[in-house]
Amino acid sequence: MIISGLTAQLEKADKLFVADFAAALGGAAAHQPGGDGGRGDLGGGDYAALDRLADADPVAYEAALARMSPAERDRYGF
């Protein structure tokens, strides 16, 4: 029982990571308006995926920042 519950949690975490990574890079798996992206109580904000990417992959984070418009960077607080 513990293993199957842990496996389900790991699968959910993997899906969230892939979705966040794609969202930060402007991919098709970006968060859809009107929902929480399946995150439940993890919350975040408009740039939560980008914040998580900063820790997970700093090079991809810098690339995502470079693609942002000046107005987006201002909203992000960078």
PDB file of N, CA and C in Angstrom:
ATOM      1  N   MET A   1       0.816  -1.195   0.000  1.00  0.00           N
ATOM      2  CA  MET A   1       0.000   0.000   0.000  1.00  0.00           C
ATOM      3  C   MET A   1       0.861   1.261   0.000  1.00  0.00           C
ATOM      4  N   ILE A   2       1.877   1.306   0.810  1.00  0.00           N
ATOM      5  CA  ILE A   2       2.709   2.496   0.900  1.00  0.00           C
ATOM      6  C   ILE A   2       3.409   2.743  -0.426  1.00  0.00           C
ATOM      7  N   ILE A   3       3.902   1.673  -1.049  1.00  0.00           N
ATOM      8  CA  ILE A   3       4.618   1.819  -2.318  1.00  0.00           C
ATOM      9  C   ILE A   3       3.696   2.355  -3.401  1.00  0.00           C
ATOM     10  N   SER A   4       2.471   1.846  -3.490  1.00  0.00           N
ATOM     11  CA  SER A   4       1.566   2.319  -4.539  1.00  0.00           C
ATOM     12  C   SER A   4       1.184   3.779  -4.315  1.00  0.00           C
ATOM     13  N   GLY A   5       1.011   4.198  -3.063  1.00  0.00           N
ATOM     14  CA  GLY A   5       0.716   5.600  -2.774  1.00  0.00           C
ATOM     15  C   GLY A   5       1.883   6.501  -3.114  1.00  0.00           C
ATOM     16  N   LEU A   6       3.080   6.025  -2.809  1.00  0.00           N
ATOM     17  CA  LEU A   6       4.281   6.794  -3.122  1.00  0.00           C
ATOM     18  C   LEU A   6       4.488   6.899  -4.626  1.00  0.00           C
ATOM     19  N   THR A   7       4.218   5.822  -5.321  1.00  0.00           N
ATOM     20  CA  THR A   7       4.339   5.831  -6.776  1.00  0.00           C
ATOM     21  C   THR A   7       3.380   6.850  -7.388  1.00  0.00           C
ATOM     22  N   ALA A   8       2.173   6.894  -6.885  1.00  0.00           N
ATOM     23  CA  ALA A   8       1.187   7.849  -7.404  1.00  0.00           C
ATOM     24  C   ALA A   8       1.647   9.281  -7.152  1.00  0.00           C
ATOM     25  N   GLN A   9       2.217   9.531  -5.987  1.00  0.00           N
ATOM     26  CA  GLN A   9       2.710  10.876  -5.681  1.00  0.00           C
ATOM     27  C   GLN A   9       3.877  11.257  -6.591  1.00  0.00           C
ATOM     28  N   LEU A  10       4.770  10.309  -6.844  1.00  0.00           N
ATOM     29  CA  LEU A  10       5.903  10.581  -7.728  1.00  0.00           C
ATOM     30  C   LEU A  10       5.449  10.833  -9.158  1.00  0.00           C
ATOM     31  N   GLU A  11       4.463  10.080  -9.608  1.00  0.00           N
ATOM     32  CA  GLU A  11       3.938  10.294 -10.959  1.00  0.00           C
ATOM     33  C   GLU A  11       3.300  11.671 -11.079  1.00  0.00           C
ATOM     34  N   LYS A  12       2.555  12.089 -10.052  1.00  0.00           N
ATOM     35  CA  LYS A  12       1.935  13.411 -10.067  1.00  0.00           C
ATOM     36  C   LYS A  12       3.013  14.496 -10.072  1.00  0.00           C
ATOM     37  N   ALA A  13       4.036  14.328  -9.255  1.00  0.00           N
ATOM     38  CA  ALA A  13       5.126  15.311  -9.206  1.00  0.00           C
ATOM     39  C   ALA A  13       5.827  15.402 -10.555  1.00  0.00           C
ATOM     40  N   ASP A  14       6.032  14.261 -11.200  1.00  0.00           N
ATOM     41  CA  ASP A  14       6.676  14.254 -12.510  1.00  0.00           C
ATOM     42  C   ASP A  14       5.829  15.010 -13.529  1.00  0.00           C
ATOM     43  N   LYS A  15       4.532  14.792 -13.532  1.00  0.00           N
ATOM     44  CA  LYS A  15       3.646  15.484 -14.470  1.00  0.00           C
ATOM     45  C   LYS A  15       3.673  16.988 -14.223  1.00  0.00           C
ATOM     46  N   LEU A  16       3.672  17.393 -12.950  1.00  0.00           N
ATOM     47  CA  LEU A  16       3.719  18.816 -12.623  1.00  0.00           C
ATOM     48  C   LEU A  16       5.029  19.442 -13.085  1.00  0.00           C
ATOM     49  N   PHE A  17       6.125  18.727 -12.877  1.00  0.00           N
ATOM     50  CA  PHE A  17       7.428  19.254 -13.292  1.00  0.00           C
ATOM     51  C   PHE A  17       7.473  19.438 -14.806  1.00  0.00           C
ATOM     52  N   VAL A  18       7.016  18.452 -15.541  1.00  0.00           N
ATOM     53  CA  VAL A  18       7.027  18.541 -17.002  1.00  0.00           C
ATOM     54  C   VAL A  18       6.131  19.680 -17.469  1.00  0.00           C
ATOM     55  N   ALA A  19       4.961  19.825 -16.868  1.00  0.00           N
ATOM     56  CA  ALA A  19       4.046  20.903 -17.248  1.00  0.00           C
ATOM     57  C   ALA A  19       4.648  22.268 -16.927  1.00  0.00           C
ATOM     58  N   ASP A  20       5.262  22.391 -15.754  1.00  0.00           N
ATOM     59  CA  ASP A  20       5.887  23.660 -15.370  1.00  0.00           C
ATOM     60  C   ASP A  20       7.044  24.004 -16.297  1.00  0.00           C
ATOM     61  N   PHE A  21       7.828  23.023 -16.633  1.00  0.00           N
ATOM     62  CA  PHE A  21       8.971  23.248 -17.519  1.00  0.00           C
ATOM     63  C   PHE A  21       8.485  23.713 -18.886  1.00  0.00           C
ATOM     64  N   ALA A  22       7.487  23.049 -19.419  1.00  0.00           N
ATOM     65  CA  ALA A  22       6.947  23.419 -20.720  1.00  0.00           C
ATOM     66  C   ALA A  22       6.317  24.811 -20.666  1.00  0.00           C
ATOM     67  N   ALA A  23       5.629  25.117 -19.565  1.00  0.00           N
ATOM     68  CA  ALA A  23       5.004  26.434 -19.416  1.00  0.00           C
ATOM     69  C   ALA A  23       6.057  27.529 -19.388  1.00  0.00           C
ATOM     70  N   ALA A  24       7.143  27.292 -18.690  1.00  0.00           N
ATOM     71  CA  ALA A  24       8.211  28.290 -18.598  1.00  0.00           C
ATOM     72  C   ALA A  24       8.879  28.514 -19.949  1.00  0.00           C
ATOM     73  N   LEU A  25       8.882  27.489 -20.757  1.00  0.00           N
ATOM     74  CA  LEU A  25       9.495  27.595 -22.075  1.00  0.00           C
ATOM     75  C   LEU A  25       8.491  27.964 -23.156  1.00  0.00           C
ATOM     76  N   GLY A  26       7.251  28.202 -22.770  1.00  0.00           N
ATOM     77  CA  GLY A  26       6.225  28.590 -23.728  1.00  0.00           C
ATOM     78  C   GLY A  26       5.630  27.421 -24.484  1.00  0.00           C
ATOM     79  N   GLY A  27       5.721  26.234 -23.930  1.00  0.00           N
ATOM     80  CA  GLY A  27       5.222  25.038 -24.599  1.00  0.00           C
ATOM     81  C   GLY A  27       3.726  24.858 -24.487  1.00  0.00           C
ATOM     82  N   ALA A  28       3.238  23.831 -25.118  1.00  0.00           N
ATOM     83  CA  ALA A  28       1.806  23.560 -25.171  1.00  0.00           C
ATOM     84  C   ALA A  28       1.233  23.097 -23.843  1.00  0.00           C
ATOM     85  N   ALA A  29       2.061  22.645 -22.919  1.00  0.00           N
ATOM     86  CA  ALA A  29       1.562  22.138 -21.648  1.00  0.00           C
ATOM     87  C   ALA A  29       1.375  23.247 -20.625  1.00  0.00           C
ATOM     88  N   ALA A  30       1.331  24.479 -21.077  1.00  0.00           N
ATOM     89  CA  ALA A  30       1.185  25.622 -20.170  1.00  0.00           C
ATOM     90  C   ALA A  30      -0.139  25.552 -19.424  1.00  0.00           C
ATOM     91  N   HIS A  31      -0.167  26.166 -18.277  1.00  0.00           N
ATOM     92  CA  HIS A  31      -1.351  26.225 -17.429  1.00  0.00           C
ATOM     93  C   HIS A  31      -2.522  26.837 -18.190  1.00  0.00           C
ATOM     94  N   GLN A  32      -3.663  26.219 -18.092  1.00  0.00           N
ATOM     95  CA  GLN A  32      -4.847  26.715 -18.763  1.00  0.00           C
ATOM     96  C   GLN A  32      -5.607  27.656 -17.831  1.00  0.00           C
ATOM     97  N   PRO A  33      -6.146  28.760 -18.346  1.00  0.00           N
ATOM     98  CA  PRO A  33      -6.894  29.697 -17.512  1.00  0.00           C
ATOM     99  C   PRO A  33      -8.091  29.016 -16.855  1.00  0.00           C
ATOM    100  N   GLY A  34      -8.380  29.437 -15.637  1.00  0.00           N
ATOM    101  CA  GLY A  34      -9.569  28.953 -14.951  1.00  0.00           C
ATOM    102  C   GLY A  34      -9.357  27.720 -14.113  1.00  0.00           C
ATOM    103  N   GLY A  35      -8.167  27.212 -14.011  1.00  0.00           N
ATOM    104  CA  GLY A  35      -7.929  26.029 -13.201  1.00  0.00           C
ATOM    105  C   GLY A  35      -6.650  26.167 -12.418  1.00  0.00           C
ATOM    106  N   ASP A  36      -6.375  25.169 -11.593  1.00  0.00           N
ATOM    107  CA  ASP A  36      -5.151  25.219 -10.801  1.00  0.00           C
ATOM    108  C   ASP A  36      -4.063  24.342 -11.395  1.00  0.00           C
ATOM    109  N   GLY A  37      -4.277  23.853 -12.614  1.00  0.00           N
ATOM    110  CA  GLY A  37      -3.273  23.030 -13.270  1.00  0.00           C
ATOM    111  C   GLY A  37      -3.071  21.684 -12.603  1.00  0.00           C
ATOM    112  N   GLY A  38      -4.031  21.254 -11.775  1.00  0.00           N
ATOM    113  CA  GLY A  38      -3.908  19.986 -11.075  1.00  0.00           C
ATOM    114  C   GLY A  38      -3.000  20.061  -9.871  1.00  0.00           C
ATOM    115  N   ARG A  39      -2.642  21.257  -9.441  1.00  0.00           N
ATOM    116  CA  ARG A  39      -1.691  21.400  -8.349  1.00  0.00           C
ATOM    117  C   ARG A  39      -2.334  21.325  -6.973  1.00  0.00           C
ATOM    118  N   GLY A  40      -3.638  21.419  -6.916  1.00  0.00           N
ATOM    119  CA  GLY A  40      -4.294  21.349  -5.621  1.00  0.00           C
ATOM    120  C   GLY A  40      -3.822  22.458  -4.696  1.00  0.00           C
ATOM    121  N   ASP A  41      -3.227  22.100  -3.578  1.00  0.00           N
ATOM    122  CA  ASP A  41      -2.849  23.085  -2.577  1.00  0.00           C
ATOM    123  C   ASP A  41      -1.430  23.620  -2.755  1.00  0.00           C
ATOM    124  N   LEU A  42      -0.747  23.282  -3.842  1.00  0.00           N
ATOM    125  CA  LEU A  42       0.613  23.773  -4.025  1.00  0.00           C
ATOM    126  C   LEU A  42       0.635  25.262  -4.327  1.00  0.00           C
ATOM    127  N   GLY A  43      -0.425  25.777  -4.916  1.00  0.00           N
ATOM    128  CA  GLY A  43      -0.512  27.200  -5.189  1.00  0.00           C
ATOM    129  C   GLY A  43       0.593  27.690  -6.086  1.00  0.00           C
ATOM    130  N   GLY A  44       0.919  28.939  -5.926  1.00  0.00           N
ATOM    131  CA  GLY A  44       1.982  29.494  -6.748  1.00  0.00           C
ATOM    132  C   GLY A  44       1.673  30.915  -7.099  1.00  0.00           C
ATOM    133  N   GLY A  45       1.308  31.135  -8.271  1.00  0.00           N
ATOM    134  CA  GLY A  45       1.072  32.461  -8.794  1.00  0.00           C
ATOM    135  C   GLY A  45       1.286  32.397 -10.281  1.00  0.00           C
ATOM    136  N   ASP A  46       1.262  33.556 -10.888  1.00  0.00           N
ATOM    137  CA  ASP A  46       1.409  33.597 -12.332  1.00  0.00           C
ATOM    138  C   ASP A  46       2.764  33.076 -12.796  1.00  0.00           C
ATOM    139  N   TYR A  47       3.780  33.217 -11.970  1.00  0.00           N
ATOM    140  CA  TYR A  47       5.130  32.833 -12.370  1.00  0.00           C
ATOM    141  C   TYR A  47       5.706  31.711 -11.500  1.00  0.00           C
ATOM    142  N   ALA A  48       4.851  30.903 -10.905  1.00  0.00           N
ATOM    143  CA  ALA A  48       5.313  29.814 -10.044  1.00  0.00           C
ATOM    144  C   ALA A  48       6.148  28.801 -10.819  1.00  0.00           C
ATOM    145  N   ALA A  49       5.759  28.510 -12.043  1.00  0.00           N
ATOM    146  CA  ALA A  49       6.518  27.554 -12.857  1.00  0.00           C
ATOM    147  C   ALA A  49       7.920  28.079 -13.119  1.00  0.00           C
ATOM    148  N   LEU A  50       8.009  29.373 -13.378  1.00  0.00           N
ATOM    149  CA  LEU A  50       9.314  29.977 -13.624  1.00  0.00           C
ATOM    150  C   LEU A  50      10.172  29.958 -12.359  1.00  0.00           C
ATOM    151  N   ASP A  51       9.547  30.206 -11.215  1.00  0.00           N
ATOM    152  CA  ASP A  51      10.273  30.153  -9.945  1.00  0.00           C
ATOM    153  C   ASP A  51      10.833  28.759  -9.686  1.00  0.00           C
ATOM    154  N   ARG A  52      10.024  27.743  -9.952  1.00  0.00           N
ATOM    155  CA  ARG A  52      10.498  26.365  -9.733  1.00  0.00           C
ATOM    156  C   ARG A  52      11.589  26.006 -10.734  1.00  0.00           C
ATOM    157  N   LEU A  53      11.493  26.532 -11.940  1.00  0.00           N
ATOM    158  CA  LEU A  53      12.501  26.258 -12.954  1.00  0.00           C
ATOM    159  C   LEU A  53      13.849  26.852 -12.545  1.00  0.00           C
ATOM    160  N   ALA A  54      13.832  27.976 -11.837  1.00  0.00           N
ATOM    161  CA  ALA A  54      15.082  28.612 -11.390  1.00  0.00           C
ATOM    162  C   ALA A  54      15.913  27.650 -10.548  1.00  0.00           C
ATOM    163  N   ASP A  55      15.252  26.846  -9.733  1.00  0.00           N
ATOM    164  CA  ASP A  55      15.957  25.859  -8.904  1.00  0.00           C
ATOM    165  C   ASP A  55      16.292  24.594  -9.680  1.00  0.00           C
ATOM    166  N   ALA A  56      15.372  24.174 -10.536  1.00  0.00           N
ATOM    167  CA  ALA A  56      15.528  22.897 -11.224  1.00  0.00           C
ATOM    168  C   ALA A  56      16.531  22.966 -12.380  1.00  0.00           C
ATOM    169  N   ASP A  57      16.501  24.055 -13.143  1.00  0.00           N
ATOM    170  CA  ASP A  57      17.358  24.160 -14.328  1.00  0.00           C
ATOM    171  C   ASP A  57      17.692  25.630 -14.582  1.00  0.00           C
ATOM    172  N   PRO A  58      18.731  26.134 -13.950  1.00  0.00           N
ATOM    173  CA  PRO A  58      19.067  27.558 -14.070  1.00  0.00           C
ATOM    174  C   PRO A  58      19.304  28.033 -15.511  1.00  0.00           C
ATOM    175  N   VAL A  59      19.830  27.182 -16.360  1.00  0.00           N
ATOM    176  CA  VAL A  59      20.074  27.578 -17.754  1.00  0.00           C
ATOM    177  C   VAL A  59      18.745  27.793 -18.477  1.00  0.00           C
ATOM    178  N   ALA A  60      17.814  26.871 -18.297  1.00  0.00           N
ATOM    179  CA  ALA A  60      16.495  27.023 -18.911  1.00  0.00           C
ATOM    180  C   ALA A  60      15.760  28.228 -18.319  1.00  0.00           C
ATOM    181  N   TYR A  61      15.959  28.489 -17.032  1.00  0.00           N
ATOM    182  CA  TYR A  61      15.371  29.658 -16.380  1.00  0.00           C
ATOM    183  C   TYR A  61      15.861  30.942 -17.046  1.00  0.00           C
ATOM    184  N   GLU A  62      17.160  31.042 -17.259  1.00  0.00           N
ATOM    185  CA  GLU A  62      17.723  32.224 -17.917  1.00  0.00           C
ATOM    186  C   GLU A  62      17.186  32.371 -19.336  1.00  0.00           C
ATOM    187  N   ALA A  63      17.036  31.264 -20.038  1.00  0.00           N
ATOM    188  CA  ALA A  63      16.495  31.306 -21.398  1.00  0.00           C
ATOM    189  C   ALA A  63      15.043  31.785 -21.384  1.00  0.00           C
ATOM    190  N   ALA A  64      14.267  31.321 -20.407  1.00  0.00           N
ATOM    191  CA  ALA A  64      12.873  31.745 -20.297  1.00  0.00           C
ATOM    192  C   ALA A  64      12.795  33.233 -19.978  1.00  0.00           C
ATOM    193  N   LEU A  65      13.667  33.718 -19.108  1.00  0.00           N
ATOM    194  CA  LEU A  65      13.696  35.149 -18.802  1.00  0.00           C
ATOM    195  C   LEU A  65      14.032  35.967 -20.046  1.00  0.00           C
ATOM    196  N   ALA A  66      14.956  35.474 -20.840  1.00  0.00           N
ATOM    197  CA  ALA A  66      15.370  36.193 -22.043  1.00  0.00           C
ATOM    198  C   ALA A  66      14.233  36.323 -23.053  1.00  0.00           C
ATOM    199  N   ARG A  67      13.313  35.357 -23.060  1.00  0.00           N
ATOM    200  CA  ARG A  67      12.191  35.398 -23.994  1.00  0.00           C
ATOM    201  C   ARG A  67      11.056  36.300 -23.517  1.00  0.00           C
ATOM    202  N   MET A  68      11.095  36.728 -22.261  1.00  0.00           N
ATOM    203  CA  MET A  68      10.024  37.560 -21.712  1.00  0.00           C
ATOM    204  C   MET A  68      10.155  38.995 -22.222  1.00  0.00           C
ATOM    205  N   SER A  69       9.011  39.626 -22.415  1.00  0.00           N
ATOM    206  CA  SER A  69       9.021  41.040 -22.790  1.00  0.00           C
ATOM    207  C   SER A  69       9.408  41.868 -21.565  1.00  0.00           C
ATOM    208  N   PRO A  70       9.822  43.110 -21.779  1.00  0.00           N
ATOM    209  CA  PRO A  70      10.146  43.961 -20.631  1.00  0.00           C
ATOM    210  C   PRO A  70       8.968  44.104 -19.659  1.00  0.00           C
ATOM    211  N   ALA A  71       7.756  44.184 -20.186  1.00  0.00           N
ATOM    212  CA  ALA A  71       6.573  44.298 -19.314  1.00  0.00           C
ATOM    213  C   ALA A  71       6.384  43.038 -18.472  1.00  0.00           C
ATOM    214  N   GLU A  72       6.620  41.853 -19.093  1.00  0.00           N
ATOM    215  CA  GLU A  72       6.509  40.611 -18.339  1.00  0.00           C
ATOM    216  C   GLU A  72       7.566  40.531 -17.244  1.00  0.00           C
ATOM    217  N   ARG A  73       8.781  40.947 -17.565  1.00  0.00           N
ATOM    218  CA  ARG A  73       9.838  40.939 -16.555  1.00  0.00           C
ATOM    219  C   ARG A  73       9.511  41.880 -15.409  1.00  0.00           C
ATOM    220  N   ASP A  74       8.887  43.009 -15.707  1.00  0.00           N
ATOM    221  CA  ASP A  74       8.474  43.927 -14.645  1.00  0.00           C
ATOM    222  C   ASP A  74       7.421  43.298 -13.745  1.00  0.00           C
ATOM    223  N   ARG A  75       6.434  42.620 -14.366  1.00  0.00           N
ATOM    224  CA  ARG A  75       5.389  41.944 -13.575  1.00  0.00           C
ATOM    225  C   ARG A  75       6.002  40.832 -12.736  1.00  0.00           C
ATOM    226  N   TYR A  76       6.977  40.139 -13.295  1.00  0.00           N
ATOM    227  CA  TYR A  76       7.666  39.052 -12.573  1.00  0.00           C
ATOM    228  C   TYR A  76       8.492  39.608 -11.419  1.00  0.00           C
ATOM    229  N   GLY A  77       8.940  40.844 -11.574  1.00  0.00           N
ATOM    230  CA  GLY A  77       9.735  41.462 -10.519  1.00  0.00           C
ATOM    231  C   GLY A  77      11.222  41.308 -10.714  1.00  0.00           C
ATOM    232  N   PHE A  78      11.615  41.076 -11.955  1.00  0.00           N
ATOM    233  CA  PHE A  78      13.031  40.874 -12.248  1.00  0.00           C
ATOM    234  C   PHE A  78      13.633  42.145 -12.753  1.00  0.00           C
TER     235      PHE A  78
END
